[in-house]
């Protein structure tokens, strides 16, 4: 027999829960997520090689780096809700294929324009893959205790992918050309496509009424404008610049109209009634606050390690590795902690632990303190992953099963928006605390001081150009000002984290365990002929008995 068999929810659930099939599904989903997480960071170390080979302009280079997360964040809601409509596995497999093709185009790109296009297509593929992995996971693990463990493994894999990306990129660049950082995706996709088609179950939500194409495009355009404006703010662009203000205003207006349309539409893409559930809306807010407080801080910490302590990129990656290991440990232990402490205490304590880690790091100075950094990064990784795990699990469990794709897309979009706003906000705080310390360095002209106030890297360039006593004084002042700005930024971040701990008090006190009713219809790969005969024979024997 071939094709698929549509079954009722109850037979499907029995089939999903027999043997180890659901854990094999989790392995496939984690492999999917690993690819997307790797691709988000693997290019960072290849930027100098790309610049040398393709000679992109400043704007082209910016788009090469930013177009992937920008397109991915913009299309999460579109493809998450489309998966609820036409089938989550179908969208996931299409994402696999597009990701593989786009990786090949990027690897052999001969111009900056081709690479930008390929990175945009990678973003489309990533937006198809990310919500589908969470929504399929929601479907095949109806028991909340098992689902919590699955989400913990899923989140640990995400942490591994983000951390391994730069290390893998650095290794490949030492032995091959820059395109190899994209070619690594192709063998994995060639394996994932057939394996995913065989193992992954098809599931979809209740298909009532037509899919709201206008609403989907409105959400995509609104998110694109909003994320673009936020990214430009985070990149140091002037707030009054029309290239910053216009995308923000247009994006915010489109998102407002999207929400208004969803409230009035008889068959909305996103069921806004989910936000009326305190656990769902609070979980989304916790995800935004956690990323807002910490993503910009991570970038600043990388600059501190390289520019203040003088570590190489590889040494910097190794110093940040304990953060990733601690995050993996928290993800794997998350299910047990959630059962024991409940969502409220888990997320609240995660925020508080992360705030303690951030305050511990305020002791960082101009000299290397390995023990302090190790302790701070371990606490930071464990606390952050504990917070995100509890928030994601609560959000996904509160969402109806037939709206799992839309709920997963909301969670991923919140993550991306929080990260973008965090870079803009904490970057602005850092610049405001850093720049004043360079305005009156003896022997340094005013225009040079103004240039040095843009960033620590620029200050070092100016100091090298000036040379002599004035250059040394400028370099010392820039380093001290950067450390001061880092301390101020850490304090602001700690305040945001404590605000998140207060917000988490709205989460449920106890984790409600047990198997939940699934919604919508599901499809299973048809049984093989021998299995079908065996099932038929068993049915006859039961009848005769």
Protein backbone atom coordinates (compact mmCIF):
# COMPACT_ATOMS: atom_id res chain seq x y z
CA UNK A 1 0.00 0.00 0.00
CA UNK A 2 1.11 3.57 -0.53
CA UNK A 3 -0.02 7.08 0.25
CA UNK A 4 -1.54 8.20 3.54
CA UNK A 5 -4.47 7.13 5.64
CA UNK A 6 -6.60 9.72 7.44
CA UNK A 7 -7.50 8.51 10.91
CA UNK A 8 -9.39 9.76 13.90
CA UNK A 9 -7.48 11.38 16.72
CA UNK A 10 -7.75 8.41 19.08
CA UNK A 11 -6.17 5.80 16.75
CA UNK A 12 -3.54 8.33 15.78
CA UNK A 13 -2.60 8.99 19.35
CA UNK A 14 -2.30 5.29 20.14
CA UNK A 15 -0.03 4.86 17.13
CA UNK A 16 2.08 7.86 18.10
CA UNK A 17 2.57 6.64 21.62
CA UNK A 18 3.51 3.02 20.89
CA UNK A 19 7.16 2.01 20.98
CA UNK A 20 9.74 4.68 20.46
CA UNK A 21 8.17 6.35 17.41
CA UNK A 22 7.56 9.69 19.12
CA UNK A 23 11.16 9.85 20.33
CA UNK A 24 12.39 9.18 16.79
CA UNK A 25 10.15 12.07 15.70
CA UNK A 26 11.85 14.22 18.34
CA UNK A 27 15.28 13.29 16.93
CA UNK A 28 14.20 14.41 13.44
CA UNK A 29 12.73 17.65 14.79
CA UNK A 30 15.89 18.40 16.78
CA UNK A 31 18.03 17.84 13.68
CA UNK A 32 15.82 20.37 11.87
CA UNK A 33 16.22 22.93 14.64
CA UNK A 34 19.98 22.36 14.80
CA UNK A 35 20.34 23.35 11.15
CA UNK A 36 18.34 26.56 11.59
CA UNK A 37 20.22 27.52 14.77
CA UNK A 38 23.59 26.79 13.13
CA UNK A 39 22.79 28.91 10.10
CA UNK A 40 21.84 31.87 12.27
CA UNK A 41 25.40 32.18 13.64
CA UNK A 42 27.75 30.23 11.35
CA UNK A 43 28.17 33.16 8.92
CA UNK A 44 29.46 35.58 11.57
CA UNK A 45 33.05 34.31 11.43
CA UNK A 46 32.95 34.13 7.61
CA UNK A 47 32.13 37.83 7.09
CA UNK A 48 35.80 38.90 6.57
CA UNK A 49 36.34 36.16 3.94
CA UNK A 50 33.06 37.06 2.19
CA UNK A 51 34.08 40.73 2.18
CA UNK A 52 37.47 39.94 0.65
CA UNK A 53 36.03 37.68 -2.06
CA UNK A 54 32.77 39.38 -3.12
CA UNK A 55 33.72 43.00 -2.29
CA UNK A 56 30.22 44.02 -1.10
CA UNK A 57 29.41 47.62 -0.23
CA UNK A 58 28.61 48.60 3.35
CA UNK A 59 24.85 48.31 2.76
CA UNK A 60 25.21 45.00 0.90
CA UNK A 61 27.31 43.55 3.72
CA UNK A 62 24.68 44.62 6.23
CA UNK A 63 21.98 42.83 4.22
CA UNK A 64 24.12 39.70 3.84
CA UNK A 65 24.26 39.40 7.63
CA UNK A 66 20.77 40.63 8.55
CA UNK A 67 18.48 39.40 5.77
CA UNK A 68 18.28 35.83 7.14
CA UNK A 69 16.92 36.68 10.64
CA UNK A 70 14.85 39.54 9.20
CA UNK A 71 13.00 37.38 6.65
CA UNK A 72 12.72 34.47 9.09
CA UNK A 73 11.13 36.61 11.83
CA UNK A 74 8.74 38.22 9.35
CA UNK A 75 7.30 34.95 8.00
CA UNK A 76 6.93 32.91 11.20
CA UNK A 77 3.24 33.71 11.68
CA UNK A 78 2.49 33.19 7.98
CA UNK A 79 4.01 29.70 7.80
CA UNK A 80 2.98 28.72 11.34
CA UNK A 81 -0.70 29.31 10.54
CA UNK A 82 -0.32 27.86 7.04
CA UNK A 83 0.95 24.65 8.64
CA UNK A 84 -2.19 24.52 10.79
CA UNK A 85 -4.18 24.81 7.57
CA UNK A 86 -2.47 22.52 5.01
CA UNK A 87 -0.40 20.25 7.26
CA UNK A 88 2.62 20.90 9.46
CA UNK A 89 4.72 18.06 8.09
CA UNK A 90 4.10 19.28 4.54
CA UNK A 91 5.33 22.78 5.40
CA UNK A 92 8.32 21.33 7.26
CA UNK A 93 9.38 19.13 4.33
CA UNK A 94 9.00 22.05 1.91
CA UNK A 95 11.20 24.05 4.27
CA UNK A 96 13.83 21.28 4.18
CA UNK A 97 13.91 21.33 0.39
CA UNK A 98 14.09 25.13 0.15
CA UNK A 99 16.80 25.26 2.82
CA UNK A 100 18.94 22.78 0.92
CA UNK A 101 18.56 24.57 -2.44
CA UNK A 102 19.24 27.98 -0.89
CA UNK A 103 22.35 26.61 0.87
CA UNK A 104 23.77 25.45 -2.48
CA UNK A 105 23.06 28.83 -4.08
CA UNK A 106 24.71 30.65 -1.16
CA UNK A 107 27.78 28.40 -1.19
CA UNK A 108 28.55 29.11 -4.86
CA UNK A 109 27.37 32.74 -5.00
CA UNK A 110 29.54 34.84 -7.30
CA UNK A 111 28.14 38.23 -6.26
CA UNK A 112 26.83 39.97 -3.17
CA UNK A 113 23.36 40.22 -4.70
CA UNK A 114 23.18 36.44 -5.24
CA UNK A 115 24.30 35.79 -1.67
CA UNK A 116 21.67 38.20 -0.31
CA UNK A 117 18.97 36.41 -2.32
CA UNK A 118 20.18 33.02 -1.11
CA UNK A 119 20.23 34.19 2.51
CA UNK A 120 16.67 35.52 2.09
CA UNK A 121 15.57 32.10 0.78
CA UNK A 122 17.29 30.50 3.78
CA UNK A 123 15.18 32.79 5.97
CA UNK A 124 12.02 31.60 4.20
CA UNK A 125 13.08 27.99 4.78
CA UNK A 126 13.87 28.69 8.42
CA UNK A 127 10.44 30.30 8.93
CA UNK A 128 8.83 27.14 7.51
CA UNK A 129 10.90 24.84 9.75
CA UNK A 130 10.89 26.56 13.16
CA UNK A 131 7.16 26.75 14.02
CA UNK A 132 6.53 23.34 12.42
CA UNK A 133 9.01 21.63 14.76
CA UNK A 134 7.29 22.95 17.89
CA UNK A 135 3.75 22.36 16.63
CA UNK A 136 4.51 18.74 15.58
CA UNK A 137 6.18 18.22 18.95
CA UNK A 138 2.98 19.52 20.59
CA UNK A 139 0.96 16.98 18.60
CA UNK A 140 3.01 13.83 19.18
CA UNK A 141 3.50 14.45 22.92
CA UNK A 142 -0.05 14.96 24.26
CA UNK A 143 1.08 14.01 27.78
CA UNK A 144 2.45 17.18 29.35
CA UNK A 145 5.16 15.44 31.39
CA UNK A 146 6.65 13.81 28.30
CA UNK A 147 6.19 17.01 26.32
CA UNK A 148 8.12 18.96 28.94
CA UNK A 149 11.04 16.55 28.58
CA UNK A 150 10.84 16.81 24.78
CA UNK A 151 10.84 20.62 24.91
CA UNK A 152 13.85 20.49 27.23
CA UNK A 153 15.78 18.39 24.73
CA UNK A 154 14.59 20.64 21.89
CA UNK A 155 15.77 23.80 23.68
CA UNK A 156 19.10 22.21 24.61
CA UNK A 157 19.70 21.43 20.92
CA UNK A 158 18.90 25.07 20.06
CA UNK A 159 21.54 26.22 22.55
CA UNK A 160 24.08 23.81 21.07
CA UNK A 161 23.38 25.03 17.53
CA UNK A 162 23.80 28.70 18.42
CA UNK A 163 27.10 28.02 20.20
CA UNK A 164 28.57 25.53 17.72
CA UNK A 165 27.86 27.79 14.72
CA UNK A 166 30.86 30.11 15.11
CA UNK A 167 33.18 27.24 16.12
CA UNK A 168 32.12 25.13 13.14
CA UNK A 169 32.44 28.16 10.85
CA UNK A 170 35.95 28.85 12.12
CA UNK A 171 37.00 25.23 11.58
CA UNK A 172 35.64 25.17 8.02
CA UNK A 173 37.28 28.48 7.14
CA UNK A 174 40.67 27.16 8.25
CA UNK A 175 40.42 24.27 5.76
CA UNK A 176 38.04 25.39 2.98
CA UNK A 177 36.56 28.49 1.35
CA UNK A 178 33.76 30.56 2.90
CA UNK A 179 31.03 28.77 0.92
CA UNK A 180 31.67 25.61 2.92
CA UNK A 181 29.76 27.10 5.88
CA UNK A 182 26.61 26.71 3.74
CA UNK A 183 27.46 23.38 2.08
CA UNK A 184 27.37 21.64 5.46
CA UNK A 185 23.57 22.01 5.38
CA UNK A 186 23.07 19.98 2.20
CA UNK A 187 24.00 16.43 3.39
CA UNK A 188 21.87 16.92 6.49
CA UNK A 189 18.90 18.03 4.40
CA UNK A 190 19.35 15.11 1.99
CA UNK A 191 19.01 12.80 4.99
CA UNK A 192 16.24 14.77 6.72
CA UNK A 193 13.87 14.87 3.73
CA UNK A 194 13.32 11.11 3.26
CA UNK A 195 13.60 10.33 6.98
CA UNK A 196 11.13 13.09 7.83
CA UNK A 197 8.70 11.88 5.16
CA UNK A 198 8.78 8.38 6.64
CA UNK A 199 8.78 9.14 10.36
CA UNK A 200 7.00 12.45 10.88
CA UNK A 201 3.21 12.37 11.34
CA UNK A 202 1.02 14.78 9.44
CA UNK A 203 -1.27 16.96 11.54
CA UNK A 204 -3.35 20.04 10.98
CA UNK A 205 -5.86 22.18 12.78
CA UNK A 206 -9.56 22.45 12.17
CA UNK A 207 -9.99 23.85 8.66
CA UNK A 208 -12.99 26.11 9.11
CA UNK A 209 -13.43 28.70 6.38
CA UNK A 210 -10.77 30.01 3.96
CA UNK A 211 -7.22 30.82 4.97
CA UNK A 212 -6.85 34.58 5.49
CA UNK A 213 -4.23 35.37 2.84
CA UNK A 214 -4.60 39.13 3.28
CA UNK A 215 -4.05 38.84 7.03
CA UNK A 216 -1.01 36.60 6.55
CA UNK A 217 0.62 39.07 4.15
CA UNK A 218 -0.29 41.97 6.44
CA UNK A 219 1.41 40.24 9.40
CA UNK A 220 4.51 39.43 7.31
CA UNK A 221 4.88 43.02 6.03
CA UNK A 222 4.22 44.48 9.48
CA UNK A 223 6.79 42.26 11.16
CA UNK A 224 9.32 42.94 8.39
CA UNK A 225 9.03 46.71 8.88
CA UNK A 226 9.09 46.51 12.66
CA UNK A 227 12.08 44.16 12.87
CA UNK A 228 13.96 46.17 10.22
CA UNK A 229 13.45 49.41 12.14
CA UNK A 230 14.48 47.80 15.41
CA UNK A 231 17.59 46.28 13.82
CA UNK A 232 18.61 49.66 12.42
CA UNK A 233 18.24 51.20 15.87
CA UNK A 234 20.34 48.38 17.32
CA UNK A 235 22.97 49.01 14.63
CA UNK A 236 23.46 52.58 15.84
CA UNK A 237 21.38 54.36 13.19
CA UNK A 238 19.92 57.74 14.11
CA UNK A 239 16.44 57.56 15.61
CA UNK A 240 15.28 60.41 13.37
CA UNK A 241 16.55 58.76 10.18
CA UNK A 242 13.69 58.15 7.70
CA UNK A 243 15.14 54.69 6.97
CA UNK A 244 14.56 53.89 10.65
CA UNK A 245 11.35 55.78 11.40
CA UNK A 246 9.40 54.81 8.26
CA UNK A 247 9.81 51.02 8.60
CA UNK A 248 8.88 51.25 12.29
CA UNK A 249 5.78 53.36 11.66
CA UNK A 250 4.60 51.34 8.66
CA UNK A 251 5.30 48.05 10.46
CA UNK A 252 3.48 49.15 13.63
CA UNK A 253 0.49 50.40 11.60
CA UNK A 254 0.23 47.12 9.67
CA UNK A 255 0.46 45.07 12.87
CA UNK A 256 -2.29 47.22 14.44
CA UNK A 257 -4.50 46.63 11.39
CA UNK A 258 -3.64 42.92 11.49
CA UNK A 259 -4.79 42.64 15.13
CA UNK A 260 -7.94 44.60 14.31
CA UNK A 261 -8.65 42.32 11.35
CA UNK A 262 -8.12 39.18 13.44
CA UNK A 263 -10.60 40.38 16.05
CA UNK A 264 -13.29 40.83 13.40
CA UNK A 265 -12.51 37.91 11.08
CA UNK A 266 -14.83 34.88 11.42
CA UNK A 267 -11.88 32.51 10.88
CA UNK A 268 -8.79 34.35 12.16
CA UNK A 269 -5.22 33.24 11.51
CA UNK A 270 -4.25 33.88 15.13
CA UNK A 271 -6.82 33.23 17.82
CA UNK A 272 -6.32 36.36 19.92
CA UNK A 273 -8.48 34.81 22.63
CA UNK A 274 -5.36 32.86 23.62
CA UNK A 275 -3.96 36.11 24.99
CA UNK A 276 -6.95 36.24 27.33
CA UNK A 277 -5.46 33.25 29.14
CA UNK A 278 -3.08 34.62 31.79
CA UNK A 279 -0.61 31.75 31.39
CA UNK A 280 -0.31 32.25 27.62
CA UNK A 281 0.03 36.05 27.61
CA UNK A 282 2.39 35.98 30.60
CA UNK A 283 4.59 33.33 28.95
CA UNK A 284 4.86 35.43 25.77
CA UNK A 285 5.75 38.50 27.86
CA UNK A 286 8.41 36.52 29.77
CA UNK A 287 10.01 35.38 26.49
CA UNK A 288 10.17 38.98 25.24
CA UNK A 289 11.63 40.30 28.52
CA UNK A 290 14.21 37.52 28.83
CA UNK A 291 15.54 38.13 25.32
CA UNK A 292 15.26 41.91 25.66
CA UNK A 293 17.45 41.81 28.76
CA UNK A 294 20.09 39.40 27.53
CA UNK A 295 20.70 39.37 23.76
CA UNK A 296 22.22 42.84 23.61
CA UNK A 297 24.20 41.96 26.71
CA UNK A 298 25.68 38.90 24.99
CA UNK A 299 26.98 41.04 22.12
CA UNK A 300 28.51 43.53 24.55
CA UNK A 301 30.13 40.67 26.50
CA UNK A 302 31.75 39.37 23.29
CA UNK A 303 33.18 42.86 22.65
CA UNK A 304 34.47 42.99 26.24
CA UNK A 305 36.27 39.67 25.89
CA UNK A 306 37.91 40.59 22.58
CA UNK A 307 38.57 44.33 22.86
CA UNK A 308 39.13 44.81 26.59
CA UNK A 309 40.73 41.47 27.53
CA UNK A 310 42.35 41.00 24.09
CA UNK A 311 41.11 37.44 23.48
CA UNK A 312 40.94 35.97 19.98
CA UNK A 313 37.55 35.01 18.44
CA UNK A 314 38.22 31.33 19.17
CA UNK A 315 39.21 32.09 22.78
CA UNK A 316 36.07 34.22 23.11
CA UNK A 317 33.93 31.34 21.87
CA UNK A 318 35.56 28.99 24.35
CA UNK A 319 35.01 31.46 27.22
CA UNK A 320 31.31 31.63 26.33
CA UNK A 321 31.07 27.83 26.04
CA UNK A 322 30.21 27.31 29.77
CA UNK A 323 27.12 29.45 29.18
CA UNK A 324 25.98 27.01 26.50
CA UNK A 325 26.80 23.93 28.58
CA UNK A 326 24.82 25.35 31.52
CA UNK A 327 21.90 26.13 29.18
CA UNK A 328 21.97 22.52 27.91
CA UNK A 329 21.94 21.21 31.48
CA UNK A 330 18.97 23.42 32.37
CA UNK A 331 17.08 22.24 29.29
CA UNK A 332 17.63 18.58 30.11
CA UNK A 333 16.68 19.10 33.78
CA UNK A 334 13.80 21.40 32.94
CA UNK A 335 11.05 18.77 32.84
CA UNK A 336 11.88 17.50 36.32
CA UNK A 337 12.13 21.06 37.71
CA UNK A 338 8.80 22.00 36.15
CA UNK A 339 7.04 19.02 37.72
CA UNK A 340 8.58 19.70 41.10
CA UNK A 341 8.33 23.48 41.33
CA UNK A 342 5.58 24.39 38.86
CA UNK A 343 5.67 27.09 36.13
CA UNK A 344 5.40 30.09 38.46
CA UNK A 345 8.30 29.25 40.75
CA UNK A 346 10.44 27.89 37.92
CA UNK A 347 10.20 30.95 35.67
CA UNK A 348 10.36 33.39 38.58
CA UNK A 349 13.45 31.70 40.04
CA UNK A 350 15.00 31.53 36.56
CA UNK A 351 14.64 35.29 36.18
CA UNK A 352 16.06 35.89 39.68
CA UNK A 353 19.01 33.55 39.11
CA UNK A 354 19.79 35.29 35.83
CA UNK A 355 19.61 38.68 37.57
CA UNK A 356 22.08 37.41 40.20
CA UNK A 357 24.41 36.28 37.40
CA UNK A 358 24.19 39.69 35.72
CA UNK A 359 24.90 41.51 38.99
CA UNK A 360 27.85 39.16 39.64
CA UNK A 361 29.32 40.17 36.29
CA UNK A 362 29.34 43.85 37.35
CA UNK A 363 32.59 42.94 39.12
CA UNK A 364 34.28 42.61 35.71
CA UNK A 365 37.05 45.13 35.22
CA UNK A 366 39.92 45.88 32.89
CA UNK A 367 41.80 42.69 33.81
CA UNK A 368 40.91 39.06 33.20
CA UNK A 369 39.18 37.22 36.06
CA UNK A 370 38.60 33.69 34.78
CA UNK A 371 36.82 32.40 37.90
CA UNK A 372 34.40 35.33 37.97
CA UNK A 373 33.54 35.00 34.29
CA UNK A 374 33.09 31.23 34.60
CA UNK A 375 30.71 31.58 37.57
CA UNK A 376 28.79 34.42 35.94
CA UNK A 377 28.36 32.68 32.58
CA UNK A 378 27.31 29.37 34.17
CA UNK A 379 24.65 31.09 36.28
CA UNK A 380 23.59 33.14 33.27
CA UNK A 381 23.16 30.13 30.99
CA UNK A 382 21.32 28.04 33.57
CA UNK A 383 19.03 30.86 34.65
CA UNK A 384 18.20 32.00 31.12
CA UNK A 385 17.40 28.51 29.85
CA UNK A 386 15.29 27.78 32.96
CA UNK A 387 13.27 30.93 32.26
CA UNK A 388 12.80 30.28 28.54
CA UNK A 389 12.03 26.59 29.06
CA UNK A 390 9.28 27.30 31.60
CA UNK A 391 7.82 30.10 29.48
CA UNK A 392 7.83 28.11 26.22
CA UNK A 393 6.35 25.01 27.83
CA UNK A 394 3.57 26.99 29.53
CA UNK A 395 2.77 28.90 26.34
CA UNK A 396 2.61 25.76 24.19
CA UNK A 397 0.53 23.83 26.75
CA UNK A 398 -1.99 26.66 27.06
CA UNK A 399 -2.57 26.81 23.29
CA UNK A 400 -5.26 24.57 21.76
CA UNK A 401 -3.75 21.66 19.82
CA UNK A 402 -5.43 22.75 16.57
CA UNK A 403 -3.74 26.17 16.92
CA UNK A 404 -0.29 24.78 17.75
CA UNK A 405 1.37 26.21 14.63
CA UNK A 406 0.08 29.72 15.30
CA UNK A 407 1.08 29.49 18.98
CA UNK A 408 4.59 28.28 18.10
CA UNK A 409 4.92 31.13 15.59
CA UNK A 410 3.87 33.66 18.25
CA UNK A 411 6.51 32.29 20.62
CA UNK A 412 9.29 32.40 18.01
CA UNK A 413 8.22 35.89 16.87
CA UNK A 414 8.29 37.10 20.49
CA UNK A 415 11.81 35.67 20.79
CA UNK A 416 12.98 37.50 17.67
CA UNK A 417 11.31 40.80 18.59
CA UNK A 418 12.67 40.66 22.13
CA UNK A 419 16.16 40.02 20.78
CA UNK A 420 15.94 42.92 18.33
CA UNK A 421 14.54 45.37 20.87
CA UNK A 422 17.15 44.24 23.40
CA UNK A 423 20.01 44.98 21.03
CA UNK A 424 18.57 48.44 20.32
CA UNK A 425 17.76 49.27 23.95
CA UNK A 426 20.88 47.96 25.67
CA UNK A 427 23.05 49.24 22.81
CA UNK A 428 21.62 52.72 23.38
CA UNK A 429 22.23 52.47 27.13
CA UNK A 430 25.78 51.33 26.48
CA UNK A 431 26.51 54.20 24.07
CA UNK A 432 24.98 56.77 26.44
CA UNK A 433 27.24 55.59 29.29
CA UNK A 434 30.35 55.09 27.12
CA UNK A 435 30.60 58.22 24.95
CA UNK A 436 30.82 60.97 27.65
CA UNK A 437 34.07 59.56 29.03
CA UNK A 438 35.90 60.35 25.76
CA UNK A 439 34.92 64.00 25.30
CA UNK A 440 37.86 65.55 27.15
CA UNK A 441 40.91 63.32 26.74
CA UNK A 442 44.07 65.51 26.91
CA UNK A 443 45.77 65.98 23.54
CA UNK A 444 42.94 64.46 21.46
CA UNK A 445 41.12 66.79 19.00
CA UNK A 446 37.36 67.14 19.40
CA UNK A 447 36.49 65.50 16.08
CA UNK A 448 38.69 62.52 16.92
CA UNK A 449 37.02 62.22 20.34
CA UNK A 450 33.63 62.23 18.63
CA UNK A 451 34.72 59.41 16.30
CA UNK A 452 36.13 57.42 19.22
CA UNK A 453 32.79 57.76 21.02
CA UNK A 454 31.02 55.63 18.41
CA UNK A 455 32.49 52.32 19.59
CA UNK A 456 35.47 50.83 21.38
CA UNK A 457 36.84 49.37 18.15
CA UNK A 458 36.73 52.80 16.51
CA UNK A 459 38.40 54.34 19.56
CA UNK A 460 41.30 51.91 19.20
CA UNK A 461 41.64 52.84 15.51
CA UNK A 462 41.72 56.55 16.37
CA UNK A 463 44.24 55.93 19.17
CA UNK A 464 46.50 54.04 16.77
CA UNK A 465 46.24 56.85 14.23
CA UNK A 466 47.12 59.56 16.79
CA UNK A 467 49.88 57.60 18.50
CA UNK A 468 52.14 58.86 21.27
CA UNK A 469 50.98 59.83 24.73
CA UNK A 470 47.62 61.16 23.53
CA UNK A 471 46.88 57.91 21.70
CA UNK A 472 47.73 55.84 24.78
CA UNK A 473 45.56 58.09 26.95
CA UNK A 474 42.65 57.75 24.52
CA UNK A 475 42.99 53.98 24.43
CA UNK A 476 43.03 53.80 28.24
CA UNK A 477 40.07 56.17 28.57
CA UNK A 478 38.07 54.22 25.97
CA UNK A 479 38.67 50.95 27.76
CA UNK A 480 37.69 52.41 31.14
CA UNK A 481 34.59 54.06 29.65
CA UNK A 482 33.57 50.79 28.00
CA UNK A 483 33.84 48.92 31.31
CA UNK A 484 31.77 51.67 32.98
CA UNK A 485 29.16 51.44 30.23
CA UNK A 486 29.11 47.67 30.62
CA UNK A 487 28.38 48.01 34.34
CA UNK A 488 25.51 50.43 33.68
CA UNK A 489 24.10 48.10 31.01
CA UNK A 490 24.31 45.15 33.38
CA UNK A 491 22.34 47.07 36.02
CA UNK A 492 19.61 47.97 33.51
CA UNK A 493 19.50 44.35 32.37
CA UNK A 494 19.16 43.16 35.97
CA UNK A 495 16.23 45.55 36.45
CA UNK A 496 14.47 44.12 33.37
CA UNK A 497 15.04 40.59 34.66
CA UNK A 498 13.53 41.42 38.06
CA UNK A 499 10.55 42.93 36.25
CA UNK A 500 10.22 39.60 34.45
CA UNK A 501 10.27 37.78 37.81
CA UNK A 502 7.33 39.91 38.96
CA UNK A 503 5.48 39.22 35.69
CA UNK A 504 6.02 35.46 36.15
CA UNK A 505 3.89 35.55 39.32
CA UNK A 506 0.83 35.39 37.03
CA UNK A 507 1.78 31.89 35.82
CA UNK A 508 0.04 28.82 37.28
CA UNK A 509 1.39 27.57 40.58
CA UNK A 510 1.16 23.86 39.67
CA UNK A 511 1.93 22.05 36.42
CA UNK A 512 -1.28 20.35 35.28
CA UNK A 513 -0.05 16.99 34.00
CA UNK A 514 -1.83 14.36 31.97
CA UNK A 515 -2.89 13.68 28.42
CA UNK A 516 -4.78 16.47 26.69
CA UNK A 517 -7.37 16.18 23.96
CA UNK A 518 -5.94 16.84 20.54
CA UNK A 519 -7.73 18.95 17.98
CA UNK A 520 -8.02 18.82 14.22
CA UNK A 521 -7.23 15.83 12.05
CA UNK A 522 -4.06 13.82 11.71
CA UNK A 523 -2.59 11.55 9.09
CA UNK A 524 -0.32 8.56 9.45
CA UNK A 525 1.90 6.93 6.86
CA UNK A 526 -0.08 3.96 5.58
CA UNK A 527 0.88 0.60 7.13
CA UNK A 528 2.96 -1.73 5.02
CA UNK A 529 1.19 -4.62 3.33
CA UNK A 530 2.42 -7.27 5.78
CA UNK A 531 1.39 -5.15 8.74
CA UNK A 532 -2.00 -4.54 7.13
CA UNK A 533 -2.57 -8.31 6.69
CA UNK A 534 -1.58 -8.91 10.30
CA UNK A 535 -3.99 -6.26 11.52
CA UNK A 536 -6.79 -7.73 9.33
CA UNK A 537 -6.13 -11.23 10.68
CA UNK A 538 -6.20 -9.96 14.24
CA UNK A 539 -9.49 -8.23 13.52
CA UNK A 540 -11.03 -11.46 12.13
CA UNK A 541 -9.93 -13.49 15.15
CA UNK A 542 -11.53 -10.95 17.47
CA UNK A 543 -14.79 -11.14 15.48
CA UNK A 544 -14.86 -14.94 15.48
CA UNK A 545 -14.15 -14.98 19.19
